[in-house]
Every structure is written in structure tokens, then in C-alpha cells.
Amino acid sequence: MATFLDVGMLGYFNIIFYFLFLFVLLFAIMQAVKFPTGDKNLSAILAFLVAILVVFSGPTREMISVITPTFFVIIFFLFFGILIYRFIGATDADVKSFLGTEAATRTFLLIILGIIILSTLGKTFFSGNSETSENEETDISSGNSNVGTQGEGALVATLTHPKILGLVLILLIGAFAMSLLSRNVK
């Protein structure tokens, strides 16, 4: 049964999300390390080109789809762990002493990062053939649906399908959220 907030249709836009994620990540890293020579335009062009190359590579796209949720879960738990520690009365100095020195924290995070990357590489490249056929047809109207098969009726039925309406709603909420979050406060 299709629900109004079905996020299954967002799967068709994964390549756009991968591209945006890689572009922003690479651009931010290049700006942080001032590579190449701190020029924003050159950094943006290089980040764009590398993101395009990586997005069109199937194994790297699969690797990103496996590794990204793991990173966000770890960041989520670290953030809320520190937040709970602060709620029980810890100060910034207590949090810094709990995390240890900057070098120790960096080493710990790099070890965790290495474990995640190695496990993802193993899952992506050494777990057997998990590729799906590129020529498979996807049926948007699974089960008993009233989506038409020809002409104007097919267009109207597709545009009013609950999965499509849910996708439009989610994208509109995201657009309004980005607009409101990026607005300058006066």
C-alpha cells in the first residue's frame, strides 16, 4: 500500500545526492587546506570534476552509499553523547579532558575512519556479485493501482500517484527548510 510520505521515490535521485555530497565535501576540504593556492574558483572546478568522475563510477557510488550512513550514525552518537554529558553538568573543560588531547582524539577518529573504510571496501569489492542489471524496468505502480498506461490518463494518474505526491512534498519541505536556514537574520 502506497503512503503519502513514501520516500522510495527518492532512490531515483541518489546520483544527484551523491554528486552534491561529494562536491560540497571536496570543496570544503580544498578550502580548509588551501588547495590549490586558496582560489575558490579553481577549487570549485576541481571539486566539480572529481565529483562527476566519482559519481559515474559504479563501485565508488556503491561504496559511498554504504559508508555515508555509517559515518552519520557515528557522528550522531558522538554528538548526542557529548550533549548528554553536558546536560549532566559538565563544562567545556570537562569535555576536553574527557576526550583527551587533540592528538589522541584525532588518532582515535582516524582509526575508526580506517576501520569503516576497510570494511566498506571489503563489502563493496570482495562480497561477490551484488550488481543489479542496468536494463531492469522499474514499475512505479506495484500491485493494484489505477495508473493509466496510455495518453493523458497515464500522465494524470502518474502525477497524482501517492508516491509521486509524497516525493514532491518531501522535496518542498527540504527546499523551504534550506531557504529558511540560509536566510540572513536582521
Protein backbone atom coordinates (compact mmCIF):
# COMPACT_ATOMS: atom_id res chain seq x y z
CA MET A 1 0.00 0.00 0.00
CA ALA A 2 1.38 3.38 -1.00
CA THR A 3 1.54 6.04 1.67
CA PHE A 4 1.68 9.77 1.13
CA LEU A 5 5.12 10.09 2.72
CA ASP A 6 6.75 7.19 0.90
CA VAL A 7 10.45 8.01 0.43
CA GLY A 8 11.06 5.17 -2.03
CA MET A 9 10.97 7.57 -4.98
CA LEU A 10 13.98 9.46 -3.59
CA GLY A 11 16.08 6.42 -4.53
CA TYR A 12 15.88 7.51 -8.15
CA PHE A 13 17.66 10.75 -7.25
CA ASN A 14 20.59 9.07 -5.45
CA ILE A 15 23.05 10.09 -8.14
CA ILE A 16 22.19 13.77 -7.57
CA PHE A 17 22.60 13.38 -3.81
CA TYR A 18 25.96 11.61 -4.29
CA PHE A 19 27.15 14.37 -6.60
CA LEU A 20 26.10 17.16 -4.21
CA PHE A 21 27.60 15.36 -1.21
CA LEU A 22 30.93 14.80 -2.95
CA PHE A 23 31.07 18.27 -4.45
CA VAL A 24 30.42 20.02 -1.12
CA LEU A 25 32.77 17.71 0.79
CA LEU A 26 35.64 18.09 -1.70
CA PHE A 27 35.15 21.85 -1.98
CA ALA A 28 35.17 22.24 1.81
CA ILE A 29 38.31 20.13 2.17
CA MET A 30 40.08 22.10 -0.59
CA GLN A 31 39.15 25.38 1.06
CA ALA A 32 40.24 24.17 4.51
CA VAL A 33 43.70 23.08 3.35
CA LYS A 34 44.04 25.98 0.86
CA PHE A 35 44.47 23.61 -2.08
CA PRO A 36 45.25 24.78 -4.81
CA THR A 37 46.53 28.17 -3.61
CA GLY A 38 43.27 29.04 -1.85
CA ASP A 39 41.49 30.05 -5.08
CA LYS A 40 37.76 29.35 -4.64
CA ASN A 41 37.00 29.18 -8.36
CA LEU A 42 39.73 26.65 -9.08
CA SER A 43 38.71 24.62 -6.03
CA ALA A 44 35.08 24.62 -7.19
CA ILE A 45 36.05 23.47 -10.71
CA LEU A 46 38.30 20.69 -9.39
CA ALA A 47 35.67 19.56 -6.88
CA PHE A 48 33.04 19.55 -9.64
CA LEU A 49 35.20 17.48 -12.00
CA VAL A 50 36.23 14.96 -9.35
CA ALA A 51 32.62 14.62 -8.15
CA ILE A 52 31.45 13.98 -11.74
CA LEU A 53 34.14 11.32 -12.23
CA VAL A 54 33.35 9.57 -8.97
CA VAL A 55 29.57 9.67 -9.45
CA PHE A 56 29.78 7.90 -12.80
CA SER A 57 31.85 5.08 -11.32
CA GLY A 58 29.54 2.30 -10.14
CA PRO A 59 31.75 0.77 -7.41
CA THR A 60 32.56 4.13 -5.83
CA ARG A 61 28.87 5.09 -5.87
CA GLU A 62 28.07 1.81 -4.11
CA MET A 63 30.87 2.45 -1.63
CA ILE A 64 29.53 5.93 -0.85
CA SER A 65 26.03 4.53 -0.35
CA VAL A 66 27.40 2.05 2.21
CA ILE A 67 29.83 4.33 4.01
CA THR A 68 27.75 7.53 4.36
CA PRO A 69 25.08 6.16 6.73
CA THR A 70 27.78 4.64 8.94
CA PHE A 71 29.54 8.00 9.29
CA PHE A 72 26.32 9.81 10.09
CA VAL A 73 25.37 7.26 12.74
CA ILE A 74 28.79 7.62 14.39
CA ILE A 75 28.61 11.42 14.26
CA PHE A 76 25.06 11.26 15.66
CA PHE A 77 26.11 9.12 18.63
CA LEU A 78 29.23 11.21 19.32
CA PHE A 79 27.25 14.45 19.22
CA PHE A 80 24.47 13.22 21.47
CA GLY A 81 26.93 11.53 23.81
CA ILE A 82 28.72 14.83 24.32
CA LEU A 83 25.38 16.64 24.59
CA ILE A 84 24.16 14.28 27.33
CA TYR A 85 27.50 14.67 29.11
CA ARG A 86 26.98 18.45 29.01
CA PHE A 87 23.38 18.10 30.28
CA ILE A 88 24.54 16.37 33.43
CA GLY A 89 26.62 19.40 34.33
CA ALA A 90 29.95 19.01 32.55
CA THR A 91 31.74 22.12 31.35
CA ASP A 92 33.74 22.61 28.17
CA ALA A 93 36.92 21.87 30.12
CA ASP A 94 35.40 18.60 31.36
CA VAL A 95 34.51 17.57 27.80
CA LYS A 96 38.02 18.42 26.60
CA SER A 97 39.62 16.45 29.43
CA PHE A 98 37.26 13.51 28.74
CA LEU A 99 38.20 13.47 25.05
CA GLY A 100 41.88 13.70 25.90
CA THR A 101 44.49 15.54 23.92
CA GLU A 102 43.85 16.71 20.39
CA ALA A 103 46.36 14.21 19.01
CA ALA A 104 44.76 11.29 20.87
CA THR A 105 41.28 12.23 19.71
CA ARG A 106 42.47 12.65 16.14
CA THR A 107 44.23 9.26 16.27
CA PHE A 108 41.11 7.57 17.66
CA LEU A 109 38.91 9.11 14.97
CA LEU A 110 41.37 8.14 12.22
CA ILE A 111 41.42 4.53 13.47
CA ILE A 112 37.60 4.42 13.44
CA LEU A 113 37.62 6.02 9.97
CA GLY A 114 40.12 3.42 8.73
CA ILE A 115 38.05 0.53 10.08
CA ILE A 116 34.91 1.88 8.41
CA ILE A 117 36.68 2.41 5.08
CA LEU A 118 38.32 -1.03 5.11
CA SER A 119 35.07 -2.79 5.99
CA THR A 120 33.26 -0.87 3.26
CA LEU A 121 35.96 -1.75 0.73
CA GLY A 122 35.61 -5.40 1.72
CA LYS A 123 31.84 -5.30 1.42
CA THR A 124 31.90 -3.45 -1.89
CA PHE A 125 34.65 -5.27 -3.77
CA PHE A 126 35.00 -8.70 -2.14
CA SER A 127 31.50 -9.81 -1.19
CA GLY A 128 30.61 -11.34 -4.54
CA ASN A 129 28.48 -10.08 -7.38
CA SER A 130 25.82 -7.79 -5.96
CA GLU A 131 25.28 -5.64 -9.05
CA THR A 132 21.83 -5.25 -10.47
CA SER A 133 21.11 -5.06 -14.14
CA GLU A 134 21.08 -1.55 -15.56
CA ASN A 135 18.35 -2.52 -18.02
CA GLU A 136 15.79 -3.57 -15.42
CA GLU A 137 12.44 -1.82 -15.76
CA THR A 138 11.08 -0.31 -12.56
CA ASP A 139 7.32 -0.46 -12.08
CA ILE A 140 6.18 2.59 -10.14
CA SER A 141 2.68 1.23 -9.78
CA SER A 142 3.24 -2.00 -7.92
CA GLY A 143 0.21 -4.07 -7.00
CA ASN A 144 -3.31 -2.97 -7.72
CA SER A 145 -3.15 0.60 -8.93
CA ASN A 146 -5.18 2.78 -11.21
CA VAL A 147 -2.26 4.29 -13.08
CA GLY A 148 -3.14 4.52 -16.77
CA THR A 149 -1.00 3.06 -19.49
CA GLN A 150 -1.62 5.46 -22.39
CA GLY A 151 -2.13 9.09 -23.15
CA GLU A 152 -3.33 11.87 -20.90
CA GLY A 153 -4.85 9.46 -18.40
CA ALA A 154 -1.43 7.93 -17.77
CA LEU A 155 0.12 11.34 -17.15
CA VAL A 156 -2.60 12.47 -14.74
CA ALA A 157 -2.62 9.14 -12.92
CA THR A 158 1.17 9.19 -12.58
CA LEU A 159 1.26 12.78 -11.32
CA THR A 160 -1.43 12.07 -8.73
CA HIS A 161 0.10 8.77 -7.55
CA PRO A 162 0.73 8.83 -3.76
CA LYS A 163 4.44 8.06 -4.17
CA ILE A 164 4.94 10.99 -6.54
CA LEU A 165 2.93 13.33 -4.31
CA GLY A 166 4.94 12.20 -1.28
CA LEU A 167 8.19 12.85 -3.16
CA VAL A 168 7.02 16.33 -4.12
CA LEU A 169 6.02 17.05 -0.51
CA ILE A 170 9.39 15.91 0.86
CA LEU A 171 11.30 17.95 -1.73
CA LEU A 172 9.19 21.05 -0.97
CA ILE A 173 9.80 20.69 2.76
CA GLY A 174 13.53 20.36 2.09
CA ALA A 175 13.53 23.42 -0.19
CA PHE A 176 11.70 25.55 2.38
CA ALA A 177 13.99 24.34 5.16
CA MET A 178 17.11 25.23 3.15
CA SER A 179 15.62 28.61 2.25
CA LEU A 180 14.77 29.45 5.85
CA LEU A 181 18.08 28.17 7.24
CA SER A 182 20.18 30.12 4.75
CA ARG A 183 18.29 33.42 5.20
CA ASN A 184 20.19 36.28 6.81
CA VAL A 185 18.85 37.35 10.20
CA LYS A 186 18.28 41.09 10.51
